[in-house]
Amino acid sequence: MGYDGVELAGLYGLTPKEVKEAIASAGLEAVSAHVPFQELVADMEGVVSQYEEIGVKYIAIPYLMEEDRPGGEKFDGNVKLFEEISKVCKAHGIQTLYHNHDFEFIKMPDGRYALDYIYDTISADLLQTEIDTCWVNVAGENPAEYVKKYTGRAPVVHLKDFYKEGKPGNMYQLIGTDVEEQENKGYFEFRPVGSGMQDFPSILEASLEAGAKWVVVEQDQSVGRTPMEAITMSREYLKSLGW
């Protein structure tokens, strides 16, 4: 298929040793892992040690539940926890990343986006970016420009495509997190890379300019096809661009 590495999103009941062996047997590199924020908070040392055993280079804080997001009472305290997590990861030789959605693109009292506030508050040696280009676009910003904004601080970039009409309801239902239904006044679906609304040539060029070490295909849902079909389509598209 042509992928070089994998970003984990859970261990699926396997031990770190079993995961490491499975990745190696597939001829892949364990690049990074999305580890739930609350799981990290509950046992920073224990959880990070598991991923150190697997050999990942990066741990990403992947998502915040509604009560933990910018604009809520917990947010400032959570940013401090991001820093604590980052320090523990650094002690284990792992770089922490923060993976955005669109809800970080609300303005703080000083006019900054909450996403920028996070990166301004925590030093780059502790916390780096994992720009999710889909959600940047959904938030109304230019994904390529946002990647370039964090040149030197963007080691991993998420490539994700989508199609959107109008104002869809709760899009996070599609990634299996928030389950509350909202009034739907539009349509949204995730698509294989190159088959949606994203300008990937500019995103990939920006990723190179920013010094990204990895670009990661993220397929939250594979509408009308199997996950393997979707990731194959994404890889073939990237090959057509010389990647």
Protein backbone atom coordinates (compact mmCIF):
# COMPACT_ATOMS: atom_id res chain seq x y z
CA MET A 1 0.00 0.00 0.00
CA GLY A 2 2.94 2.29 0.60
CA TYR A 3 2.55 3.70 4.09
CA ASP A 4 5.73 4.10 6.13
CA GLY A 5 4.35 4.47 9.64
CA VAL A 6 1.27 4.44 11.79
CA GLU A 7 -0.30 6.75 14.34
CA LEU A 8 -2.02 4.80 17.10
CA ALA A 9 -5.42 5.58 18.58
CA GLY A 10 -5.68 3.08 21.41
CA LEU A 11 -4.16 -0.32 22.16
CA TYR A 12 -7.35 -2.36 21.59
CA GLY A 13 -6.75 -4.65 24.55
CA LEU A 14 -3.21 -5.56 23.51
CA THR A 15 -0.07 -5.14 25.56
CA PRO A 16 2.54 -2.58 24.48
CA LYS A 17 4.82 -5.49 23.53
CA GLU A 18 2.14 -7.01 21.31
CA VAL A 19 1.44 -3.67 19.63
CA LYS A 20 5.14 -3.08 19.02
CA GLU A 21 5.54 -6.54 17.49
CA ALA A 22 2.45 -6.12 15.28
CA ILE A 23 3.71 -2.80 13.93
CA ALA A 24 7.16 -4.23 13.25
CA SER A 25 5.73 -7.31 11.53
CA ALA A 26 3.79 -5.01 9.20
CA GLY A 27 7.01 -3.23 8.28
CA LEU A 28 5.80 0.05 9.75
CA GLU A 29 7.21 2.60 12.17
CA ALA A 30 5.34 3.58 15.34
CA VAL A 31 5.25 7.31 14.75
CA SER A 32 2.77 8.71 17.21
CA ALA A 33 -0.25 8.01 19.37
CA HIS A 34 -3.49 9.79 20.14
CA VAL A 35 -4.02 9.27 23.86
CA PRO A 36 -7.22 10.55 25.51
CA PHE A 37 -6.63 13.60 27.70
CA GLN A 38 -8.40 12.15 30.75
CA GLU A 39 -6.45 8.90 30.42
CA LEU A 40 -3.21 10.86 30.54
CA VAL A 41 -4.35 12.97 33.49
CA ALA A 42 -5.34 9.87 35.45
CA ASP A 43 -1.90 8.22 35.21
CA MET A 44 0.68 10.29 33.37
CA GLU A 45 3.71 8.16 34.20
CA GLY A 46 2.00 4.83 33.65
CA VAL A 47 0.37 5.73 30.34
CA VAL A 48 3.41 7.48 28.88
CA SER A 49 5.60 4.52 29.89
CA GLN A 50 3.39 2.21 27.83
CA TYR A 51 3.91 4.28 24.71
CA GLU A 52 7.61 4.61 25.43
CA GLU A 53 7.77 0.81 25.36
CA ILE A 54 6.04 0.78 21.97
CA GLY A 55 8.58 3.31 20.73
CA VAL A 56 6.44 6.21 19.56
CA LYS A 57 8.16 9.55 19.00
CA TYR A 58 5.07 11.66 19.66
CA ILE A 59 2.01 11.59 21.92
CA ALA A 60 -0.86 13.82 20.86
CA ILE A 61 -3.56 15.22 23.11
CA PRO A 62 -6.30 14.39 20.63
CA TYR A 63 -9.62 15.86 21.74
CA LEU A 64 -11.38 17.72 24.52
CA MET A 65 -14.87 16.92 25.73
CA GLU A 66 -17.23 19.88 25.78
CA GLU A 67 -16.69 20.68 29.46
CA ASP A 68 -12.91 20.86 28.93
CA ARG A 69 -12.88 23.14 25.90
CA PRO A 70 -11.99 26.80 25.45
CA GLY A 71 -14.65 29.05 26.91
CA GLY A 72 -15.33 26.71 29.82
CA GLU A 73 -14.27 27.03 33.45
CA LYS A 74 -11.79 24.16 33.20
CA PHE A 75 -9.85 25.42 30.20
CA ASP A 76 -7.09 27.41 31.91
CA GLY A 77 -6.48 24.56 34.33
CA ASN A 78 -6.39 22.13 31.43
CA VAL A 79 -3.68 24.16 29.71
CA LYS A 80 -1.60 23.72 32.86
CA LEU A 81 -2.27 19.99 32.66
CA PHE A 82 -1.14 19.99 29.02
CA GLU A 83 2.15 21.40 30.26
CA GLU A 84 2.45 18.76 32.99
CA ILE A 85 1.78 16.00 30.47
CA SER A 86 4.38 17.51 28.15
CA LYS A 87 7.01 17.49 30.88
CA VAL A 88 6.35 13.83 31.68
CA CYS A 89 6.54 12.92 27.99
CA LYS A 90 9.80 14.83 27.60
CA ALA A 91 11.29 12.93 30.53
CA HIS A 92 10.50 9.72 28.63
CA GLY A 93 11.97 11.00 25.36
CA ILE A 94 8.60 11.64 23.73
CA GLN A 95 7.44 14.92 22.19
CA THR A 96 3.91 16.05 23.08
CA LEU A 97 1.61 17.41 20.39
CA TYR A 98 -1.76 19.11 20.59
CA HIS A 99 -4.23 17.99 17.91
CA ASN A 100 -6.87 20.58 17.10
CA HIS A 101 -10.49 20.46 16.05
CA ASP A 102 -12.53 23.54 15.16
CA PHE A 103 -13.62 24.41 18.70
CA GLU A 104 -10.19 25.89 19.50
CA PHE A 105 -10.91 28.60 16.93
CA ILE A 106 -12.84 30.77 19.33
CA LYS A 107 -11.40 34.08 20.44
CA MET A 108 -9.90 34.58 23.87
CA PRO A 109 -10.48 37.94 25.65
CA ASP A 110 -7.26 39.30 24.12
CA GLY A 111 -8.39 38.42 20.59
CA ARG A 112 -6.19 35.37 20.06
CA TYR A 113 -7.63 32.07 18.99
CA ALA A 114 -7.66 29.58 21.85
CA LEU A 115 -5.42 27.31 19.78
CA ASP A 116 -2.78 30.02 19.52
CA TYR A 117 -3.21 30.75 23.22
CA ILE A 118 -2.31 27.14 24.01
CA TYR A 119 0.86 27.31 21.92
CA ASP A 120 1.78 30.76 23.22
CA THR A 121 1.35 29.65 26.84
CA ILE A 122 3.40 26.44 26.67
CA SER A 123 6.94 26.56 25.31
CA ALA A 124 7.69 24.92 21.98
CA ASP A 125 10.22 22.52 23.50
CA LEU A 126 7.40 21.02 25.56
CA LEU A 127 4.39 21.24 23.23
CA GLN A 128 4.33 21.18 19.45
CA THR A 129 1.50 21.24 16.95
CA GLU A 130 -0.37 18.51 15.17
CA ILE A 131 -2.39 20.67 12.80
CA ASP A 132 -5.52 18.87 11.63
CA THR A 133 -6.04 20.49 8.26
CA CYS A 134 -9.66 19.39 7.96
CA TRP A 135 -10.77 21.10 11.15
CA VAL A 136 -8.77 24.24 10.38
CA ASN A 137 -10.73 24.51 7.12
CA VAL A 138 -14.05 23.79 8.85
CA ALA A 139 -13.23 26.60 11.29
CA GLY A 140 -12.88 29.00 8.37
CA GLU A 141 -9.10 29.34 8.24
CA ASN A 142 -6.63 28.40 5.49
CA PRO A 143 -5.00 25.06 6.41
CA ALA A 144 -1.78 25.66 4.46
CA GLU A 145 -1.28 29.08 6.00
CA TYR A 146 -1.94 27.70 9.47
CA VAL A 147 0.66 24.99 9.01
CA LYS A 148 3.19 27.59 7.83
CA LYS A 149 2.34 29.78 10.81
CA TYR A 150 3.93 27.11 13.00
CA THR A 151 7.04 26.52 10.92
CA GLY A 152 9.59 24.73 13.07
CA ARG A 153 6.85 23.60 15.43
CA ALA A 154 4.83 21.31 13.15
CA PRO A 155 6.51 17.89 13.10
CA VAL A 156 3.29 16.01 12.31
CA VAL A 157 0.49 17.29 10.06
CA HIS A 158 -2.89 15.60 9.65
CA LEU A 159 -4.16 15.14 6.11
CA LYS A 160 -7.92 14.74 6.19
CA ASP A 161 -10.48 15.44 3.51
CA PHE A 162 -14.16 16.22 3.78
CA TYR A 163 -17.26 17.43 1.97
CA LYS A 164 -19.55 19.96 3.57
CA GLU A 165 -22.77 21.74 2.65
CA GLY A 166 -24.61 24.33 4.74
CA LYS A 167 -24.38 24.14 8.52
CA PRO A 168 -24.28 20.51 9.65
CA GLY A 169 -25.27 19.54 13.19
CA ASN A 170 -22.93 17.83 15.63
CA MET A 171 -20.02 16.73 13.42
CA TYR A 172 -18.31 15.11 16.41
CA GLN A 173 -20.92 12.36 16.35
CA LEU A 174 -19.08 11.20 13.24
CA ILE A 175 -15.89 10.54 15.20
CA GLY A 176 -17.68 8.68 17.97
CA THR A 177 -17.21 11.24 20.73
CA ASP A 178 -20.00 13.75 21.37
CA VAL A 179 -23.26 11.87 20.90
CA GLU A 180 -25.77 14.63 21.52
CA GLU A 181 -27.89 15.30 18.47
CA GLN A 182 -28.19 18.84 17.17
CA GLU A 183 -30.41 20.40 14.57
CA ASN A 184 -28.96 19.56 11.19
CA LYS A 185 -29.07 22.26 8.51
CA GLY A 186 -26.50 20.81 6.19
CA TYR A 187 -24.39 17.83 5.27
CA PHE A 188 -20.89 16.71 6.25
CA GLU A 189 -18.84 13.62 5.54
CA PHE A 190 -15.20 12.63 5.78
CA ARG A 191 -13.64 11.50 2.52
CA PRO A 192 -10.40 9.88 1.38
CA VAL A 193 -7.59 12.34 0.78
CA GLY A 194 -7.99 13.96 -2.63
CA SER A 195 -11.72 13.33 -3.01
CA GLY A 196 -13.12 16.22 -1.01
CA MET A 197 -12.74 19.97 -0.64
CA GLN A 198 -9.14 20.30 0.54
CA ASP A 199 -6.28 21.82 -1.48
CA PHE A 200 -3.65 19.21 -0.71
CA PRO A 201 -0.90 20.41 -3.05
CA SER A 202 -0.73 23.66 -1.06
CA ILE A 203 -1.04 21.83 2.28
CA LEU A 204 1.78 19.45 1.40
CA GLU A 205 3.99 22.28 0.19
CA ALA A 206 3.29 24.14 3.43
CA SER A 207 4.14 21.01 5.44
CA LEU A 208 7.53 20.81 3.75
CA GLU A 209 8.13 24.51 4.34
CA ALA A 210 7.16 24.13 8.00
CA GLY A 211 9.64 21.29 8.48
CA ALA A 212 7.11 18.51 9.04
CA LYS A 213 8.68 15.11 9.55
CA TRP A 214 5.45 13.20 8.98
CA VAL A 215 2.14 13.77 7.23
CA VAL A 216 -0.55 11.44 8.55
CA VAL A 217 -3.66 10.31 6.70
CA GLU A 218 -6.57 10.39 9.14
CA GLN A 219 -9.83 8.79 8.01
CA ASP A 220 -12.43 9.18 10.77
CA GLN A 221 -15.14 7.51 8.71
CA SER A 222 -15.08 5.72 5.36
CA VAL A 223 -18.52 6.46 3.94
CA GLY A 224 -19.61 3.95 1.30
CA ARG A 225 -16.34 2.01 1.38
CA THR A 226 -14.25 -0.04 3.79
CA PRO A 227 -11.51 1.63 5.85
CA MET A 228 -8.88 -0.25 3.84
CA GLU A 229 -10.39 0.97 0.57
CA ALA A 230 -10.38 4.53 1.90
CA ILE A 231 -6.76 4.53 3.02
CA THR A 232 -5.71 2.90 -0.26
CA MET A 233 -7.45 5.69 -2.19
CA SER A 234 -5.70 8.28 -0.03
CA ARG A 235 -2.29 6.70 -0.58
CA GLU A 236 -2.77 6.43 -4.33
CA TYR A 237 -3.75 10.09 -4.50
CA LEU A 238 -0.65 11.11 -2.56
CA LYS A 239 1.51 8.98 -4.86
CA SER A 240 0.00 10.84 -7.83
CA LEU A 241 1.37 14.04 -6.28
CA GLY A 242 4.82 12.51 -5.86
CA TRP A 243 4.44 11.64 -2.18
